[in-house]
Amino acid sequence: MEKIPSAEILSKSVKITVLNKLGKTIDEFDMRAGTNLWVFLRKRGLPIGAACSGVGVCGACHVKVISSDMNSISEKNDFEKETLIKNQKSEKERLACLCRVFSDIKIQADYW
């Protein structure tokens, strides 16, 4: 069961830095802590996989999260782990549709 973050954490803004596959910053924006990463990326207009409409089945929205703090994002649940394995993604990758952000992160994807 996922830990629910404190109201203090959820009331702050977090910075998301988007890197292309070469590691160059292509976008940077703030979003409310606790927001679903996939939903926010779509609202931002960034191309992000969505074959399953964001329910974690297809694995198309995989991104690499670059952060030194493991509490920056929600924990992977078993379903997400299975989808990543099934789609041959690395352990460092996350499904944006199943990921909530709690502090500043950088994300990278090979399709940006």
C-alpha atoms as a PDB file:
ATOM      1  CA  MET A   1       0.000   0.000   0.000  1.00  0.00           C
ATOM      2  CA  GLU A   2       1.361   3.392  -1.003  1.00  0.00           C
ATOM      3  CA  LYS A   3       2.154   5.926   1.718  1.00  0.00           C
ATOM      4  CA  ILE A   4       0.043   9.061   1.557  1.00  0.00           C
ATOM      5  CA  PRO A   5       2.226  12.185   1.579  1.00  0.00           C
ATOM      6  CA  SER A   6       1.645  14.908   4.153  1.00  0.00           C
ATOM      7  CA  ALA A   7      -0.506  17.947   3.396  1.00  0.00           C
ATOM      8  CA  GLU A   8       2.672  20.046   3.589  1.00  0.00           C
ATOM      9  CA  ILE A   9       4.261  18.089   0.723  1.00  0.00           C
ATOM     10  CA  LEU A  10       1.095  18.170  -1.384  1.00  0.00           C
ATOM     11  CA  SER A  11       0.721  21.928  -0.997  1.00  0.00           C
ATOM     12  CA  LYS A  12       4.041  22.763  -2.645  1.00  0.00           C
ATOM     13  CA  SER A  13       5.124  23.157  -6.242  1.00  0.00           C
ATOM     14  CA  VAL A  14       7.761  20.895  -7.793  1.00  0.00           C
ATOM     15  CA  LYS A  15      10.049  21.502 -10.750  1.00  0.00           C
ATOM     16  CA  ILE A  16      10.122  19.026 -13.629  1.00  0.00           C
ATOM     17  CA  THR A  17      13.039  19.177 -16.050  1.00  0.00           C
ATOM     18  CA  VAL A  18      12.516  17.261 -19.302  1.00  0.00           C
ATOM     19  CA  LEU A  19      15.616  15.957 -21.073  1.00  0.00           C
ATOM     20  CA  ASN A  20      15.858  14.536 -24.582  1.00  0.00           C
ATOM     21  CA  LYS A  21      17.670  11.261 -25.261  1.00  0.00           C
ATOM     22  CA  LEU A  22      20.986  13.141 -25.492  1.00  0.00           C
ATOM     23  CA  GLY A  23      20.499  14.666 -22.032  1.00  0.00           C
ATOM     24  CA  LYS A  24      19.740  18.189 -23.267  1.00  0.00           C
ATOM     25  CA  THR A  25      16.997  20.135 -21.462  1.00  0.00           C
ATOM     26  CA  ILE A  26      14.011  20.600 -23.770  1.00  0.00           C
ATOM     27  CA  ASP A  27      11.440  21.841 -21.254  1.00  0.00           C
ATOM     28  CA  GLU A  28      11.180  22.882 -17.645  1.00  0.00           C
ATOM     29  CA  PHE A  29       8.015  23.570 -15.702  1.00  0.00           C
ATOM     30  CA  ASP A  30       6.412  23.552 -12.280  1.00  0.00           C
ATOM     31  CA  MET A  31       3.525  21.390 -11.229  1.00  0.00           C
ATOM     32  CA  ARG A  32       1.701  20.734  -7.990  1.00  0.00           C
ATOM     33  CA  ALA A  33       3.293  18.047  -5.824  1.00  0.00           C
ATOM     34  CA  GLY A  34       1.360  14.775  -5.915  1.00  0.00           C
ATOM     35  CA  THR A  35       0.171  15.265  -9.495  1.00  0.00           C
ATOM     36  CA  ASN A  36       0.173  12.324 -11.874  1.00  0.00           C
ATOM     37  CA  LEU A  37       3.144  12.795 -14.205  1.00  0.00           C
ATOM     38  CA  TRP A  38       1.445  11.400 -17.336  1.00  0.00           C
ATOM     39  CA  VAL A  39      -1.618  13.645 -16.972  1.00  0.00           C
ATOM     40  CA  PHE A  40       0.527  16.723 -16.496  1.00  0.00           C
ATOM     41  CA  LEU A  41       2.834  15.928 -19.442  1.00  0.00           C
ATOM     42  CA  ARG A  42      -0.197  15.543 -21.712  1.00  0.00           C
ATOM     43  CA  LYS A  43      -1.670  18.828 -20.484  1.00  0.00           C
ATOM     44  CA  ARG A  44       1.713  20.437 -21.093  1.00  0.00           C
ATOM     45  CA  GLY A  45       1.522  19.249 -24.722  1.00  0.00           C
ATOM     46  CA  LEU A  46       4.544  16.964 -24.611  1.00  0.00           C
ATOM     47  CA  PRO A  47       4.330  13.760 -26.644  1.00  0.00           C
ATOM     48  CA  ILE A  48       3.882  10.847 -24.274  1.00  0.00           C
ATOM     49  CA  GLY A  49       2.731   7.295 -25.018  1.00  0.00           C
ATOM     50  CA  ALA A  50      -0.922   6.580 -24.385  1.00  0.00           C
ATOM     51  CA  ALA A  51      -1.987   3.354 -26.118  1.00  0.00           C
ATOM     52  CA  CYS A  52      -3.845   2.216 -22.973  1.00  0.00           C
ATOM     53  CA  SER A  53      -5.182   5.683 -22.049  1.00  0.00           C
ATOM     54  CA  GLY A  54      -2.964   5.868 -18.979  1.00  0.00           C
ATOM     55  CA  VAL A  55      -3.894   2.750 -17.036  1.00  0.00           C
ATOM     56  CA  GLY A  56      -0.412   1.182 -16.983  1.00  0.00           C
ATOM     57  CA  VAL A  57      -0.945  -1.719 -19.379  1.00  0.00           C
ATOM     58  CA  CYS A  58       0.949  -0.778 -22.553  1.00  0.00           C
ATOM     59  CA  GLY A  59       4.193   0.626 -21.118  1.00  0.00           C
ATOM     60  CA  ALA A  60       4.357   3.286 -23.849  1.00  0.00           C
ATOM     61  CA  CYS A  61       4.692   6.156 -21.366  1.00  0.00           C
ATOM     62  CA  HIS A  62       7.945   4.892 -19.876  1.00  0.00           C
ATOM     63  CA  VAL A  63      10.383   7.576 -18.746  1.00  0.00           C
ATOM     64  CA  LYS A  64      13.684   7.490 -16.922  1.00  0.00           C
ATOM     65  CA  VAL A  65      13.480   9.434 -13.671  1.00  0.00           C
ATOM     66  CA  ILE A  66      16.744  11.068 -12.700  1.00  0.00           C
ATOM     67  CA  SER A  67      16.692  11.950  -9.018  1.00  0.00           C
ATOM     68  CA  SER A  68      18.920  11.432  -6.031  1.00  0.00           C
ATOM     69  CA  ASP A  69      15.992  11.240  -3.616  1.00  0.00           C
ATOM     70  CA  MET A  70      13.910   8.056  -3.692  1.00  0.00           C
ATOM     71  CA  ASN A  71      11.035   9.976  -2.040  1.00  0.00           C
ATOM     72  CA  SER A  72      10.764  12.296  -5.066  1.00  0.00           C
ATOM     73  CA  ILE A  73       8.216  10.014  -6.703  1.00  0.00           C
ATOM     74  CA  SER A  74       5.630   7.449  -5.690  1.00  0.00           C
ATOM     75  CA  GLU A  75       6.770   3.882  -5.136  1.00  0.00           C
ATOM     76  CA  LYS A  76       6.399   1.311  -7.902  1.00  0.00           C
ATOM     77  CA  ASN A  77       3.587  -1.107  -7.253  1.00  0.00           C
ATOM     78  CA  ASP A  78       3.690  -4.744  -8.389  1.00  0.00           C
ATOM     79  CA  PHE A  79       1.520  -4.015 -11.431  1.00  0.00           C
ATOM     80  CA  GLU A  80       3.935  -1.346 -12.671  1.00  0.00           C
ATOM     81  CA  LYS A  81       6.929  -3.617 -12.066  1.00  0.00           C
ATOM     82  CA  GLU A  82       5.286  -6.396 -14.088  1.00  0.00           C
ATOM     83  CA  THR A  83       4.423  -4.034 -16.972  1.00  0.00           C
ATOM     84  CA  LEU A  84       7.996  -2.723 -17.101  1.00  0.00           C
ATOM     85  CA  ILE A  85       9.420  -6.260 -17.129  1.00  0.00           C
ATOM     86  CA  LYS A  86       6.923  -7.384 -19.782  1.00  0.00           C
ATOM     87  CA  ASN A  87       7.960  -4.441 -21.967  1.00  0.00           C
ATOM     88  CA  GLN A  88      11.695  -5.019 -21.353  1.00  0.00           C
ATOM     89  CA  LYS A  89      12.250  -1.662 -19.632  1.00  0.00           C
ATOM     90  CA  SER A  90      15.049  -1.019 -17.156  1.00  0.00           C
ATOM     91  CA  GLU A  91      14.537  -0.870 -13.405  1.00  0.00           C
ATOM     92  CA  LYS A  92      15.355   2.864 -13.513  1.00  0.00           C
ATOM     93  CA  GLU A  93      12.343   3.557 -15.725  1.00  0.00           C
ATOM     94  CA  ARG A  94       8.845   4.410 -14.587  1.00  0.00           C
ATOM     95  CA  LEU A  95       5.439   4.484 -16.207  1.00  0.00           C
ATOM     96  CA  ALA A  96       4.444   8.149 -16.182  1.00  0.00           C
ATOM     97  CA  CYS A  97       0.777   7.154 -15.895  1.00  0.00           C
ATOM     98  CA  LEU A  98       1.417   5.393 -12.571  1.00  0.00           C
ATOM     99  CA  CYS A  99       3.870   7.931 -11.163  1.00  0.00           C
ATOM    100  CA  ARG A 100       3.139  10.805  -8.813  1.00  0.00           C
ATOM    101  CA  VAL A 101       5.807  13.456  -8.201  1.00  0.00           C
ATOM    102  CA  PHE A 102       6.540  14.841  -4.713  1.00  0.00           C
ATOM    103  CA  SER A 103       9.738  16.852  -5.236  1.00  0.00           C
ATOM    104  CA  ASP A 104      11.920  18.202  -8.052  1.00  0.00           C
ATOM    105  CA  ILE A 105      12.962  15.655 -10.679  1.00  0.00           C
ATOM    106  CA  LYS A 106      14.469  15.356 -14.115  1.00  0.00           C
ATOM    107  CA  ILE A 107      12.927  12.953 -16.596  1.00  0.00           C
ATOM    108  CA  GLN A 108      14.318  11.590 -19.832  1.00  0.00           C
ATOM    109  CA  ALA A 109      12.855   9.496 -22.617  1.00  0.00           C
ATOM    110  CA  ASP A 110      14.334   8.076 -25.797  1.00  0.00           C
ATOM    111  CA  TYR A 111      11.397   9.389 -27.845  1.00  0.00           C
ATOM    112  CA  TRP A 112      11.976  13.109 -27.052  1.00  0.00           C
END
